Amino acid sequence: MADRDFLEEIKMTEQVAVSRVEKARENAQLQRQMARQEAGGLLEKAYIEANAIRQKKMQEAEIRYRELTAGDSHHDANASWLPEPLLADAAKIIAERIVALLEHR
């Protein structure tokens, strides 16, 4: 009779262990789902913020471009004060930056 009680106790302990493992798996799955949702929300927020920053920088660049091009008509006679190689280098750098900005849109 003692052997049966001992076997019953072992079976119940095994059932409790199986139940705990299942519960732990369910909890782990819930935590993973919550982490995915939170990460998704953070990524979405980051994309929105990055887009806002990009828009602001593009607007600032456009304003600066308009200021620079508006100034060109007034200073055409004085445009030769910069050496031609320096102007070419500046144009190259500006073009690279514009391409980089457009690639990240």
N, C-alpha and C. Protein backbone atom coordinates (compact mmCIF):
# COMPACT_ATOMS: atom_id res chain seq x y z
N MET A 1 0.82 -1.19 0.00
CA MET A 1 0.00 0.00 0.00
C MET A 1 0.87 1.26 0.00
N ALA A 2 1.97 1.22 0.70
CA ALA A 2 2.87 2.37 0.75
C ALA A 2 3.50 2.61 -0.62
N ASP A 3 3.75 1.49 -1.35
CA ASP A 3 4.31 1.64 -2.69
C ASP A 3 3.33 2.35 -3.61
N ARG A 4 2.03 2.03 -3.47
CA ARG A 4 1.01 2.68 -4.30
C ARG A 4 0.92 4.16 -3.99
N ASP A 5 0.94 4.51 -2.72
CA ASP A 5 0.90 5.92 -2.33
C ASP A 5 2.10 6.66 -2.89
N PHE A 6 3.24 5.99 -2.83
CA PHE A 6 4.46 6.61 -3.35
C PHE A 6 4.36 6.80 -4.87
N LEU A 7 3.83 5.80 -5.60
CA LEU A 7 3.64 5.91 -7.05
C LEU A 7 2.62 7.00 -7.39
N GLU A 8 1.56 7.08 -6.63
CA GLU A 8 0.55 8.12 -6.85
C GLU A 8 1.17 9.51 -6.64
N GLU A 9 1.99 9.60 -5.62
CA GLU A 9 2.65 10.88 -5.34
C GLU A 9 3.59 11.26 -6.48
N ILE A 10 4.29 10.29 -7.01
CA ILE A 10 5.19 10.53 -8.15
C ILE A 10 4.39 10.99 -9.36
N LYS A 11 3.28 10.32 -9.65
CA LYS A 11 2.44 10.68 -10.80
C LYS A 11 1.89 12.10 -10.64
N MET A 12 1.45 12.43 -9.43
CA MET A 12 0.91 13.77 -9.20
C MET A 12 2.01 14.82 -9.34
N THR A 13 3.19 14.50 -8.86
CA THR A 13 4.32 15.42 -8.97
C THR A 13 4.68 15.64 -10.44
N GLU A 14 4.63 14.55 -11.22
CA GLU A 14 4.90 14.67 -12.65
C GLU A 14 3.85 15.55 -13.33
N GLN A 15 2.57 15.36 -12.96
CA GLN A 15 1.49 16.16 -13.53
C GLN A 15 1.67 17.64 -13.18
N VAL A 16 2.05 17.91 -11.95
CA VAL A 16 2.29 19.29 -11.53
C VAL A 16 3.45 19.87 -12.33
N ALA A 17 4.49 19.08 -12.52
CA ALA A 17 5.65 19.55 -13.29
C ALA A 17 5.26 19.85 -14.73
N VAL A 18 4.49 18.95 -15.34
CA VAL A 18 4.03 19.17 -16.72
C VAL A 18 3.17 20.43 -16.79
N SER A 19 2.31 20.60 -15.82
CA SER A 19 1.45 21.78 -15.78
C SER A 19 2.27 23.06 -15.65
N ARG A 20 3.28 23.03 -14.80
CA ARG A 20 4.13 24.19 -14.62
C ARG A 20 4.92 24.51 -15.88
N VAL A 21 5.40 23.48 -16.55
CA VAL A 21 6.15 23.70 -17.80
C VAL A 21 5.23 24.33 -18.86
N GLU A 22 4.01 23.82 -18.98
CA GLU A 22 3.06 24.38 -19.94
C GLU A 22 2.74 25.83 -19.61
N LYS A 23 2.54 26.10 -18.34
CA LYS A 23 2.24 27.47 -17.91
C LYS A 23 3.43 28.39 -18.20
N ALA A 24 4.64 27.90 -17.95
CA ALA A 24 5.83 28.70 -18.23
C ALA A 24 5.96 28.98 -19.72
N ARG A 25 5.66 27.99 -20.55
CA ARG A 25 5.70 28.20 -22.01
C ARG A 25 4.67 29.24 -22.43
N GLU A 26 3.47 29.14 -21.88
CA GLU A 26 2.43 30.12 -22.22
C GLU A 26 2.86 31.53 -21.80
N ASN A 27 3.41 31.64 -20.59
CA ASN A 27 3.88 32.95 -20.12
C ASN A 27 5.01 33.48 -21.00
N ALA A 28 5.91 32.60 -21.39
CA ALA A 28 7.02 33.02 -22.26
C ALA A 28 6.49 33.51 -23.61
N GLN A 29 5.51 32.79 -24.14
CA GLN A 29 4.92 33.20 -25.42
C GLN A 29 4.23 34.56 -25.28
N LEU A 30 3.51 34.77 -24.21
CA LEU A 30 2.86 36.06 -23.98
C LEU A 30 3.89 37.18 -23.86
N GLN A 31 4.97 36.91 -23.15
CA GLN A 31 6.02 37.92 -23.00
C GLN A 31 6.66 38.24 -24.34
N ARG A 32 6.89 37.21 -25.17
CA ARG A 32 7.45 37.45 -26.51
C ARG A 32 6.51 38.30 -27.36
N GLN A 33 5.22 37.99 -27.30
CA GLN A 33 4.25 38.76 -28.06
C GLN A 33 4.22 40.22 -27.60
N MET A 34 4.26 40.41 -26.29
CA MET A 34 4.25 41.78 -25.76
C MET A 34 5.52 42.52 -26.16
N ALA A 35 6.65 41.82 -26.13
CA ALA A 35 7.92 42.44 -26.52
C ALA A 35 7.89 42.81 -28.00
N ARG A 36 7.33 41.93 -28.84
CA ARG A 36 7.22 42.24 -30.27
C ARG A 36 6.33 43.47 -30.50
N GLN A 37 5.22 43.52 -29.79
CA GLN A 37 4.32 44.67 -29.93
C GLN A 37 5.01 45.95 -29.49
N GLU A 38 5.70 45.88 -28.38
CA GLU A 38 6.40 47.06 -27.88
C GLU A 38 7.50 47.49 -28.85
N ALA A 39 8.25 46.52 -29.35
CA ALA A 39 9.31 46.83 -30.31
C ALA A 39 8.72 47.42 -31.58
N GLY A 40 7.60 46.88 -32.02
CA GLY A 40 6.94 47.41 -33.22
C GLY A 40 6.51 48.86 -33.00
N GLY A 41 5.97 49.12 -31.84
CA GLY A 41 5.57 50.50 -31.52
C GLY A 41 6.75 51.44 -31.48
N LEU A 42 7.84 50.98 -30.88
CA LEU A 42 9.05 51.82 -30.81
C LEU A 42 9.63 52.06 -32.20
N LEU A 43 9.63 51.03 -33.04
CA LEU A 43 10.12 51.21 -34.40
C LEU A 43 9.26 52.18 -35.19
N GLU A 44 7.96 52.05 -35.05
CA GLU A 44 7.05 52.96 -35.75
C GLU A 44 7.29 54.40 -35.29
N LYS A 45 7.44 54.58 -33.99
CA LYS A 45 7.70 55.91 -33.44
C LYS A 45 9.02 56.46 -33.98
N ALA A 46 10.05 55.60 -34.02
CA ALA A 46 11.36 56.03 -34.53
C ALA A 46 11.27 56.42 -36.00
N TYR A 47 10.53 55.64 -36.80
CA TYR A 47 10.37 55.99 -38.21
C TYR A 47 9.64 57.33 -38.38
N ILE A 48 8.63 57.56 -37.56
CA ILE A 48 7.89 58.82 -37.63
C ILE A 48 8.80 59.99 -37.26
N GLU A 49 9.58 59.81 -36.19
CA GLU A 49 10.50 60.87 -35.77
C GLU A 49 11.57 61.11 -36.83
N ALA A 50 12.10 60.04 -37.40
CA ALA A 50 13.12 60.18 -38.44
C ALA A 50 12.55 60.89 -39.66
N ASN A 51 11.33 60.57 -40.01
CA ASN A 51 10.69 61.23 -41.14
C ASN A 51 10.48 62.71 -40.86
N ALA A 52 10.07 63.04 -39.64
CA ALA A 52 9.88 64.45 -39.28
C ALA A 52 11.20 65.21 -39.35
N ILE A 53 12.27 64.58 -38.85
CA ILE A 53 13.59 65.22 -38.90
C ILE A 53 14.02 65.40 -40.36
N ARG A 54 13.80 64.37 -41.16
CA ARG A 54 14.16 64.45 -42.59
C ARG A 54 13.39 65.58 -43.28
N GLN A 55 12.10 65.67 -42.99
CA GLN A 55 11.28 66.72 -43.60
C GLN A 55 11.79 68.10 -43.18
N LYS A 56 12.10 68.25 -41.91
CA LYS A 56 12.60 69.53 -41.40
C LYS A 56 13.91 69.90 -42.09
N LYS A 57 14.82 68.94 -42.19
CA LYS A 57 16.11 69.20 -42.82
C LYS A 57 15.94 69.53 -44.31
N MET A 58 15.02 68.85 -44.96
CA MET A 58 14.77 69.14 -46.37
C MET A 58 14.20 70.56 -46.54
N GLN A 59 13.31 70.95 -45.64
CA GLN A 59 12.75 72.30 -45.69
C GLN A 59 13.84 73.34 -45.45
N GLU A 60 14.70 73.07 -44.45
CA GLU A 60 15.80 73.99 -44.18
C GLU A 60 16.74 74.08 -45.37
N ALA A 61 17.01 72.94 -45.98
CA ALA A 61 17.89 72.93 -47.15
C ALA A 61 17.26 73.69 -48.32
N GLU A 62 15.96 73.52 -48.49
CA GLU A 62 15.28 74.22 -49.58
C GLU A 62 15.31 75.73 -49.34
N ILE A 63 15.07 76.14 -48.10
CA ILE A 63 15.12 77.58 -47.78
C ILE A 63 16.52 78.12 -48.04
N ARG A 64 17.51 77.37 -47.59
CA ARG A 64 18.91 77.80 -47.79
C ARG A 64 19.24 77.84 -49.27
N TYR A 65 18.77 76.87 -50.02
CA TYR A 65 18.99 76.84 -51.46
C TYR A 65 18.37 78.08 -52.12
N ARG A 66 17.15 78.39 -51.73
CA ARG A 66 16.48 79.57 -52.31
C ARG A 66 17.24 80.85 -51.96
N GLU A 67 17.74 80.91 -50.72
CA GLU A 67 18.53 82.09 -50.32
C GLU A 67 19.79 82.19 -51.18
N LEU A 68 20.44 81.07 -51.37
CA LEU A 68 21.68 81.07 -52.16
C LEU A 68 21.42 81.39 -53.63
N THR A 69 20.37 80.82 -54.18
CA THR A 69 20.10 81.08 -55.59
C THR A 69 19.54 82.48 -55.80
N ALA A 70 18.83 83.00 -54.82
CA ALA A 70 18.34 84.38 -54.94
C ALA A 70 19.52 85.34 -54.90
N GLY A 71 20.53 85.01 -54.12
CA GLY A 71 21.71 85.85 -54.01
C GLY A 71 22.56 85.80 -55.27
N ASP A 72 22.44 84.76 -56.07
CA ASP A 72 23.25 84.62 -57.28
C ASP A 72 22.98 85.74 -58.28
N SER A 73 21.74 86.14 -58.43
CA SER A 73 21.42 87.17 -59.42
C SER A 73 21.99 88.53 -59.02
N HIS A 74 22.18 88.74 -57.74
CA HIS A 74 22.70 90.02 -57.26
C HIS A 74 24.22 90.06 -57.25
N HIS A 75 24.84 88.92 -57.23
CA HIS A 75 26.29 88.88 -57.06
C HIS A 75 27.01 88.22 -58.24
N ASP A 76 26.40 88.21 -59.40
CA ASP A 76 27.04 87.58 -60.54
C ASP A 76 28.37 88.24 -60.87
N ALA A 77 28.45 89.51 -60.74
CA ALA A 77 29.68 90.22 -61.07
C ALA A 77 30.79 89.87 -60.09
N ASN A 78 30.42 89.54 -58.84
CA ASN A 78 31.42 89.23 -57.82
C ASN A 78 31.63 87.73 -57.65
N ALA A 79 31.03 86.91 -58.51
CA ALA A 79 31.12 85.46 -58.36
C ALA A 79 32.54 84.96 -58.61
N SER A 80 33.35 85.71 -59.29
CA SER A 80 34.69 85.24 -59.62
C SER A 80 35.66 85.36 -58.46
N TRP A 81 35.21 85.84 -57.31
CA TRP A 81 36.12 85.97 -56.17
C TRP A 81 36.52 84.62 -55.60
N LEU A 82 35.78 83.53 -55.96
CA LEU A 82 36.17 82.18 -55.53
C LEU A 82 36.92 81.48 -56.66
N PRO A 83 38.01 80.82 -56.36
CA PRO A 83 38.74 80.10 -57.40
C PRO A 83 37.87 78.97 -57.98
N GLU A 84 38.04 78.73 -59.25
CA GLU A 84 37.25 77.72 -59.96
C GLU A 84 37.38 76.31 -59.35
N PRO A 85 38.56 75.87 -58.94
CA PRO A 85 38.65 74.52 -58.32
C PRO A 85 37.86 74.43 -57.02
N LEU A 86 37.84 75.51 -56.25
CA LEU A 86 37.09 75.52 -55.00
C LEU A 86 35.59 75.44 -55.29
N LEU A 87 35.14 76.15 -56.29
CA LEU A 87 33.73 76.09 -56.68
C LEU A 87 33.36 74.68 -57.15
N ALA A 88 34.24 74.06 -57.91
CA ALA A 88 33.98 72.70 -58.41
C ALA A 88 33.91 71.71 -57.25
N ASP A 89 34.82 71.84 -56.29
CA ASP A 89 34.79 70.96 -55.12
C ASP A 89 33.51 71.16 -54.31
N ALA A 90 33.13 72.40 -54.12
CA ALA A 90 31.90 72.70 -53.37
C ALA A 90 30.69 72.11 -54.09
N ALA A 91 30.65 72.26 -55.40
CA ALA A 91 29.53 71.71 -56.18
C ALA A 91 29.48 70.20 -56.05
N LYS A 92 30.63 69.55 -56.07
CA LYS A 92 30.69 68.09 -55.93
C LYS A 92 30.17 67.65 -54.56
N ILE A 93 30.61 68.35 -53.51
CA ILE A 93 30.18 68.01 -52.15
C ILE A 93 28.67 68.20 -52.01
N ILE A 94 28.16 69.29 -52.53
CA ILE A 94 26.72 69.56 -52.45
C ILE A 94 25.94 68.49 -53.21
N ALA A 95 26.42 68.12 -54.39
CA ALA A 95 25.73 67.09 -55.17
C ALA A 95 25.72 65.76 -54.42
N GLU A 96 26.82 65.40 -53.78
CA GLU A 96 26.88 64.15 -53.01
C GLU A 96 25.89 64.18 -51.86
N ARG A 97 25.79 65.32 -51.20
CA ARG A 97 24.85 65.43 -50.08
C ARG A 97 23.40 65.33 -50.55
N ILE A 98 23.11 65.94 -51.67
CA ILE A 98 21.74 65.89 -52.21
C ILE A 98 21.39 64.44 -52.56
N VAL A 99 22.32 63.74 -53.20
CA VAL A 99 22.08 62.34 -53.55
C VAL A 99 21.90 61.50 -52.29
N ALA A 100 22.71 61.75 -51.28
CA ALA A 100 22.57 61.01 -50.02
C ALA A 100 21.22 61.27 -49.37
N LEU A 101 20.77 62.51 -49.40
CA LEU A 101 19.46 62.84 -48.83
C LEU A 101 18.35 62.14 -49.60
N LEU A 102 18.45 62.17 -50.91
CA LEU A 102 17.41 61.57 -51.73
C LEU A 102 17.38 60.04 -51.58
N GLU A 103 18.53 59.43 -51.35
CA GLU A 103 18.57 57.99 -51.15
C GLU A 103 17.86 57.57 -49.88
N HIS A 104 17.85 58.42 -48.88
CA HIS A 104 17.26 58.07 -47.58
C HIS A 104 15.80 58.51 -47.47
N ARG A 105 15.21 58.94 -48.51
CA ARG A 105 13.80 59.35 -48.47
C ARG A 105 12.90 58.16 -48.36
